[in-house]
Structures are given as C-alpha cells and as structure tokens.
Amino acid sequence: MVNRDKKQPLYMISVVADMLGVHPQTLRLYEREGLIRPKRVNRQRLYSEEDLERLSLILELTRDLGVNKAGVDIILRMRERMIALQREIEMMLRCLEDDVRSEFQKRIKKILSE
C-alpha cells in the first residue's frame, strides 16, 4: 500500500470542480473568501487530498446544513483548533506515567461523553 502525502498538490481546478460537482468559479470564490488555499504552480491552482477533504466539508456545511460562509469559517477555525488541542493532549499523555495516564484518559472520556 502506497502512503501518499495528503498535502501534495495533485489536482487542477477543473478536475476538482468535476469531482465535487461544483463550478470552478465556486472554488475561486472559496479561495478569495480564505476558506481554501490551493498551491500555485506557474499561476495554476493545484489542490491536494487535504484540500479535497476540506472542500467536501465546506460543501456539506453549505449545501446540506445551510451554513453561510461566515459560519463555515468559524466552524473550520474551531475544527483546526480542536485538532491542535487533541494532538497536544496526545503528546502530553505520552509523557505521563502509566497510572497517571490511565486516570487522565478516564477523565477525558468522561468530559467528552457529557
């Protein structure tokens, strides 16, 4: 199994638009709004797998849930912060001794289930 870098820019805007069922202008608008940042190679936009996942989430929020662009921006920023905090917790857990780690994990599960 090949393990690809999800950040590697691979897809041109027309391909991404076809894959997601949107007009290329929609992708340009999302870029202008700061919701997505495709890489540029010789003035050509190239999207990564990570960009496709983010765009899919944006489309789900706007199409399926009716969230406006300002709301999408807030949700995306909160999601990024949550992921960063989760990584920080995991790093801290690796530093704790086994018995303390177990107790800490129980507390986190309790908080998340509330």
N, C-alpha and C. Protein backbone atom coordinates (compact mmCIF):
# COMPACT_ATOMS: atom_id res chain seq x y z
N MET A 1 0.84 -1.20 0.00
CA MET A 1 0.00 0.00 0.00
C MET A 1 0.88 1.25 0.00
N VAL A 2 0.62 2.16 -0.92
CA VAL A 2 1.39 3.39 -1.04
C VAL A 2 0.81 4.42 -0.07
N ASN A 3 1.69 5.02 0.72
CA ASN A 3 1.27 6.02 1.69
C ASN A 3 1.61 7.40 1.11
N ARG A 4 0.59 8.09 0.56
CA ARG A 4 0.82 9.38 -0.08
C ARG A 4 0.68 10.53 0.93
N ASP A 5 1.38 11.60 0.63
CA ASP A 5 1.28 12.82 1.41
C ASP A 5 -0.02 13.53 1.03
N LYS A 6 -0.91 13.71 2.01
CA LYS A 6 -2.21 14.34 1.74
C LYS A 6 -2.09 15.82 1.39
N LYS A 7 -0.92 16.40 1.63
CA LYS A 7 -0.72 17.82 1.35
C LYS A 7 -0.12 18.06 -0.03
N GLN A 8 0.25 17.00 -0.72
CA GLN A 8 0.87 17.14 -2.04
C GLN A 8 -0.15 17.63 -3.06
N PRO A 9 0.11 18.77 -3.71
CA PRO A 9 -0.83 19.27 -4.72
C PRO A 9 -0.84 18.38 -5.96
N LEU A 10 -2.04 17.90 -6.33
CA LEU A 10 -2.15 16.95 -7.42
C LEU A 10 -3.17 17.34 -8.49
N TYR A 11 -4.26 17.99 -8.09
CA TYR A 11 -5.41 18.15 -8.98
C TYR A 11 -5.59 19.59 -9.44
N MET A 12 -5.87 19.74 -10.74
CA MET A 12 -6.18 21.05 -11.30
C MET A 12 -7.61 21.43 -10.93
N ILE A 13 -7.91 22.71 -11.01
CA ILE A 13 -9.20 23.22 -10.59
C ILE A 13 -10.36 22.57 -11.35
N SER A 14 -10.19 22.32 -12.64
CA SER A 14 -11.27 21.71 -13.43
C SER A 14 -11.56 20.29 -12.96
N VAL A 15 -10.52 19.56 -12.59
CA VAL A 15 -10.70 18.19 -12.10
C VAL A 15 -11.42 18.21 -10.76
N VAL A 16 -11.01 19.11 -9.87
CA VAL A 16 -11.63 19.21 -8.55
C VAL A 16 -13.10 19.62 -8.69
N ALA A 17 -13.36 20.58 -9.56
CA ALA A 17 -14.74 21.02 -9.78
C ALA A 17 -15.61 19.85 -10.25
N ASP A 18 -15.11 19.04 -11.18
CA ASP A 18 -15.85 17.87 -11.66
C ASP A 18 -16.04 16.85 -10.53
N MET A 19 -15.00 16.60 -9.76
CA MET A 19 -15.07 15.62 -8.68
C MET A 19 -16.13 16.00 -7.65
N LEU A 20 -16.24 17.30 -7.36
CA LEU A 20 -17.14 17.77 -6.31
C LEU A 20 -18.49 18.26 -6.84
N GLY A 21 -18.61 18.32 -8.15
CA GLY A 21 -19.88 18.75 -8.74
C GLY A 21 -20.16 20.23 -8.53
N VAL A 22 -19.12 21.05 -8.62
CA VAL A 22 -19.29 22.50 -8.49
C VAL A 22 -18.63 23.18 -9.68
N HIS A 23 -18.94 24.44 -9.86
CA HIS A 23 -18.32 25.24 -10.92
C HIS A 23 -16.95 25.70 -10.44
N PRO A 24 -15.97 25.77 -11.32
CA PRO A 24 -14.64 26.26 -10.90
C PRO A 24 -14.70 27.63 -10.23
N GLN A 25 -15.66 28.45 -10.64
CA GLN A 25 -15.80 29.78 -10.03
C GLN A 25 -16.13 29.67 -8.54
N THR A 26 -16.85 28.62 -8.15
CA THR A 26 -17.15 28.40 -6.73
C THR A 26 -15.86 28.17 -5.96
N LEU A 27 -14.95 27.40 -6.54
CA LEU A 27 -13.67 27.14 -5.88
C LEU A 27 -12.84 28.42 -5.79
N ARG A 28 -12.89 29.24 -6.84
CA ARG A 28 -12.18 30.53 -6.80
C ARG A 28 -12.76 31.43 -5.71
N LEU A 29 -14.09 31.42 -5.58
CA LEU A 29 -14.75 32.22 -4.54
C LEU A 29 -14.31 31.76 -3.16
N TYR A 30 -14.29 30.44 -2.92
CA TYR A 30 -13.84 29.92 -1.63
C TYR A 30 -12.40 30.33 -1.34
N GLU A 31 -11.59 30.40 -2.39
CA GLU A 31 -10.21 30.84 -2.19
C GLU A 31 -10.18 32.33 -1.83
N ARG A 32 -10.94 33.16 -2.54
CA ARG A 32 -11.00 34.59 -2.24
C ARG A 32 -11.49 34.83 -0.82
N GLU A 33 -12.44 34.00 -0.37
CA GLU A 33 -13.01 34.14 0.98
C GLU A 33 -12.04 33.61 2.05
N GLY A 34 -10.96 32.95 1.62
CA GLY A 34 -9.98 32.43 2.57
C GLY A 34 -10.33 31.08 3.17
N LEU A 35 -11.35 30.41 2.60
CA LEU A 35 -11.76 29.11 3.12
C LEU A 35 -10.85 27.99 2.66
N ILE A 36 -10.16 28.20 1.54
CA ILE A 36 -9.27 27.18 0.98
C ILE A 36 -8.05 27.89 0.40
N ARG A 37 -6.91 27.24 0.46
CA ARG A 37 -5.68 27.83 -0.07
C ARG A 37 -4.95 26.81 -0.94
N PRO A 38 -5.36 26.65 -2.20
CA PRO A 38 -4.64 25.71 -3.07
C PRO A 38 -3.23 26.22 -3.35
N LYS A 39 -2.35 25.30 -3.65
CA LYS A 39 -0.98 25.68 -4.01
C LYS A 39 -0.99 26.26 -5.42
N ARG A 40 -0.03 27.10 -5.69
CA ARG A 40 0.11 27.68 -7.03
C ARG A 40 1.40 27.18 -7.64
N VAL A 41 1.30 26.66 -8.85
CA VAL A 41 2.46 26.24 -9.62
C VAL A 41 2.32 26.87 -11.00
N ASN A 42 3.22 27.79 -11.31
CA ASN A 42 3.14 28.53 -12.58
C ASN A 42 1.76 29.15 -12.78
N ARG A 43 1.26 29.82 -11.78
CA ARG A 43 -0.04 30.52 -11.78
C ARG A 43 -1.24 29.57 -11.88
N GLN A 44 -0.99 28.29 -11.80
CA GLN A 44 -2.08 27.31 -11.87
C GLN A 44 -2.38 26.79 -10.46
N ARG A 45 -3.68 26.75 -10.12
CA ARG A 45 -4.09 26.23 -8.82
C ARG A 45 -3.99 24.71 -8.84
N LEU A 46 -3.38 24.15 -7.80
CA LEU A 46 -3.33 22.70 -7.65
C LEU A 46 -3.82 22.35 -6.24
N TYR A 47 -4.73 21.40 -6.20
CA TYR A 47 -5.38 21.01 -4.96
C TYR A 47 -4.85 19.65 -4.48
N SER A 48 -4.71 19.50 -3.17
CA SER A 48 -4.24 18.26 -2.56
C SER A 48 -5.44 17.44 -2.06
N GLU A 49 -5.15 16.23 -1.61
CA GLU A 49 -6.19 15.41 -0.99
C GLU A 49 -6.75 16.12 0.24
N GLU A 50 -5.88 16.78 0.99
CA GLU A 50 -6.31 17.53 2.16
C GLU A 50 -7.26 18.67 1.75
N ASP A 51 -6.94 19.35 0.66
CA ASP A 51 -7.82 20.40 0.14
C ASP A 51 -9.19 19.83 -0.25
N LEU A 52 -9.19 18.64 -0.89
CA LEU A 52 -10.45 18.00 -1.29
C LEU A 52 -11.30 17.67 -0.06
N GLU A 53 -10.67 17.17 1.00
CA GLU A 53 -11.41 16.86 2.23
C GLU A 53 -12.02 18.14 2.82
N ARG A 54 -11.24 19.22 2.82
CA ARG A 54 -11.73 20.49 3.36
C ARG A 54 -12.89 21.02 2.50
N LEU A 55 -12.73 20.94 1.18
CA LEU A 55 -13.81 21.38 0.29
C LEU A 55 -15.07 20.55 0.46
N SER A 56 -14.91 19.25 0.65
CA SER A 56 -16.07 18.38 0.88
C SER A 56 -16.81 18.80 2.14
N LEU A 57 -16.05 19.12 3.19
CA LEU A 57 -16.67 19.58 4.43
C LEU A 57 -17.38 20.91 4.21
N ILE A 58 -16.75 21.83 3.49
CA ILE A 58 -17.37 23.13 3.20
C ILE A 58 -18.68 22.93 2.45
N LEU A 59 -18.66 22.07 1.45
CA LEU A 59 -19.87 21.82 0.67
C LEU A 59 -20.95 21.15 1.51
N GLU A 60 -20.57 20.24 2.37
CA GLU A 60 -21.55 19.60 3.25
C GLU A 60 -22.19 20.64 4.17
N LEU A 61 -21.38 21.51 4.73
CA LEU A 61 -21.91 22.54 5.63
C LEU A 61 -22.84 23.50 4.90
N THR A 62 -22.45 23.91 3.68
CA THR A 62 -23.26 24.90 2.96
C THR A 62 -24.49 24.28 2.30
N ARG A 63 -24.29 23.16 1.61
CA ARG A 63 -25.39 22.54 0.86
C ARG A 63 -26.37 21.80 1.77
N ASP A 64 -25.83 20.93 2.60
CA ASP A 64 -26.68 20.03 3.38
C ASP A 64 -27.20 20.67 4.67
N LEU A 65 -26.37 21.52 5.28
CA LEU A 65 -26.76 22.08 6.58
C LEU A 65 -27.16 23.55 6.53
N GLY A 66 -26.97 24.18 5.36
CA GLY A 66 -27.41 25.57 5.20
C GLY A 66 -26.56 26.59 5.94
N VAL A 67 -25.33 26.25 6.26
CA VAL A 67 -24.45 27.18 6.97
C VAL A 67 -23.92 28.21 5.99
N ASN A 68 -23.93 29.49 6.38
CA ASN A 68 -23.39 30.53 5.50
C ASN A 68 -21.86 30.55 5.58
N LYS A 69 -21.21 31.32 4.70
CA LYS A 69 -19.75 31.30 4.62
C LYS A 69 -19.09 31.77 5.91
N ALA A 70 -19.68 32.75 6.59
CA ALA A 70 -19.12 33.20 7.87
C ALA A 70 -19.16 32.07 8.89
N GLY A 71 -20.26 31.35 8.91
CA GLY A 71 -20.38 30.20 9.81
C GLY A 71 -19.38 29.10 9.47
N VAL A 72 -19.20 28.86 8.17
CA VAL A 72 -18.23 27.85 7.73
C VAL A 72 -16.84 28.24 8.21
N ASP A 73 -16.49 29.50 8.08
CA ASP A 73 -15.18 29.98 8.51
C ASP A 73 -14.98 29.72 10.00
N ILE A 74 -15.98 30.03 10.80
CA ILE A 74 -15.90 29.81 12.25
C ILE A 74 -15.75 28.32 12.56
N ILE A 75 -16.56 27.49 11.91
CA ILE A 75 -16.50 26.05 12.14
C ILE A 75 -15.14 25.49 11.76
N LEU A 76 -14.59 25.92 10.62
CA LEU A 76 -13.28 25.43 10.18
C LEU A 76 -12.18 25.84 11.16
N ARG A 77 -12.24 27.08 11.64
CA ARG A 77 -11.22 27.52 12.60
C ARG A 77 -11.34 26.77 13.92
N MET A 78 -12.57 26.54 14.38
CA MET A 78 -12.77 25.77 15.61
C MET A 78 -12.28 24.34 15.44
N ARG A 79 -12.53 23.76 14.29
CA ARG A 79 -12.10 22.39 13.99
C ARG A 79 -10.58 22.29 14.00
N GLU A 80 -9.91 23.26 13.38
CA GLU A 80 -8.44 23.27 13.38
C GLU A 80 -7.89 23.39 14.79
N ARG A 81 -8.51 24.23 15.59
CA ARG A 81 -8.07 24.40 16.99
C ARG A 81 -8.29 23.12 17.78
N MET A 82 -9.43 22.48 17.57
CA MET A 82 -9.73 21.23 18.26
C MET A 82 -8.71 20.14 17.90
N ILE A 83 -8.35 20.05 16.63
CA ILE A 83 -7.36 19.07 16.19
C ILE A 83 -6.00 19.36 16.85
N ALA A 84 -5.63 20.64 16.90
CA ALA A 84 -4.36 21.01 17.53
C ALA A 84 -4.36 20.66 19.01
N LEU A 85 -5.48 20.91 19.70
CA LEU A 85 -5.58 20.57 21.12
C LEU A 85 -5.53 19.07 21.33
N GLN A 86 -6.17 18.33 20.44
CA GLN A 86 -6.14 16.87 20.53
C GLN A 86 -4.71 16.34 20.39
N ARG A 87 -3.96 16.89 19.46
CA ARG A 87 -2.55 16.49 19.30
C ARG A 87 -1.75 16.82 20.55
N GLU A 88 -2.02 17.98 21.13
CA GLU A 88 -1.32 18.40 22.34
C GLU A 88 -1.62 17.44 23.50
N ILE A 89 -2.88 17.06 23.64
CA ILE A 89 -3.26 16.11 24.70
C ILE A 89 -2.56 14.77 24.48
N GLU A 90 -2.53 14.29 23.24
CA GLU A 90 -1.87 13.03 22.94
C GLU A 90 -0.38 13.10 23.27
N MET A 91 0.25 14.23 22.98
CA MET A 91 1.66 14.40 23.30
C MET A 91 1.88 14.39 24.81
N MET A 92 0.99 15.07 25.53
CA MET A 92 1.09 15.10 26.99
C MET A 92 0.88 13.71 27.59
N LEU A 93 -0.05 12.95 27.02
CA LEU A 93 -0.32 11.60 27.51
C LEU A 93 0.91 10.71 27.37
N ARG A 94 1.64 10.87 26.29
CA ARG A 94 2.85 10.07 26.09
C ARG A 94 3.90 10.36 27.15
N CYS A 95 3.86 11.56 27.73
CA CYS A 95 4.84 11.96 28.73
C CYS A 95 4.47 11.49 30.15
N LEU A 96 3.21 11.15 30.36
CA LEU A 96 2.76 10.76 31.70
C LEU A 96 3.10 9.31 32.02
N GLU A 97 3.25 9.02 33.28
CA GLU A 97 3.46 7.65 33.73
C GLU A 97 2.16 6.86 33.53
N ASP A 98 2.26 5.53 33.47
CA ASP A 98 1.12 4.66 33.14
C ASP A 98 -0.09 4.88 34.02
N ASP A 99 0.06 4.91 35.35
CA ASP A 99 -1.10 5.05 36.23
C ASP A 99 -1.74 6.43 36.11
N VAL A 100 -0.92 7.46 35.98
CA VAL A 100 -1.45 8.82 35.81
C VAL A 100 -2.13 8.94 34.45
N ARG A 101 -1.53 8.35 33.41
CA ARG A 101 -2.09 8.38 32.06
C ARG A 101 -3.47 7.74 32.04
N SER A 102 -3.62 6.60 32.69
CA SER A 102 -4.90 5.89 32.73
C SER A 102 -5.98 6.76 33.38
N GLU A 103 -5.65 7.39 34.49
CA GLU A 103 -6.62 8.25 35.19
C GLU A 103 -6.97 9.46 34.33
N PHE A 104 -5.99 10.03 33.69
CA PHE A 104 -6.21 11.20 32.83
C PHE A 104 -7.12 10.83 31.66
N GLN A 105 -6.88 9.66 31.04
CA GLN A 105 -7.72 9.21 29.92
C GLN A 105 -9.16 9.00 30.36
N LYS A 106 -9.36 8.47 31.56
CA LYS A 106 -10.72 8.30 32.09
C LYS A 106 -11.42 9.64 32.23
N ARG A 107 -10.70 10.63 32.74
CA ARG A 107 -11.28 11.97 32.92
C ARG A 107 -11.66 12.59 31.58
N ILE A 108 -10.78 12.43 30.59
CA ILE A 108 -11.06 12.98 29.26
C ILE A 108 -12.31 12.31 28.66
N LYS A 109 -12.41 10.99 28.77
CA LYS A 109 -13.59 10.29 28.25
C LYS A 109 -14.85 10.77 28.92
N LYS A 110 -14.78 11.00 30.23
CA LYS A 110 -15.95 11.48 30.96
C LYS A 110 -16.38 12.86 30.45
N ILE A 111 -15.39 13.74 30.26
CA ILE A 111 -15.68 15.09 29.74
C ILE A 111 -16.31 15.04 28.37
N LEU A 112 -15.77 14.18 27.49
CA LEU A 112 -16.28 14.09 26.13
C LEU A 112 -17.67 13.45 26.06
N SER A 113 -18.01 12.64 27.03
CA SER A 113 -19.31 11.99 26.99
C SER A 113 -20.42 12.85 27.59
N GLU A 114 -20.06 13.95 28.22
CA GLU A 114 -21.06 14.83 28.84
C GLU A 114 -21.75 15.69 27.81
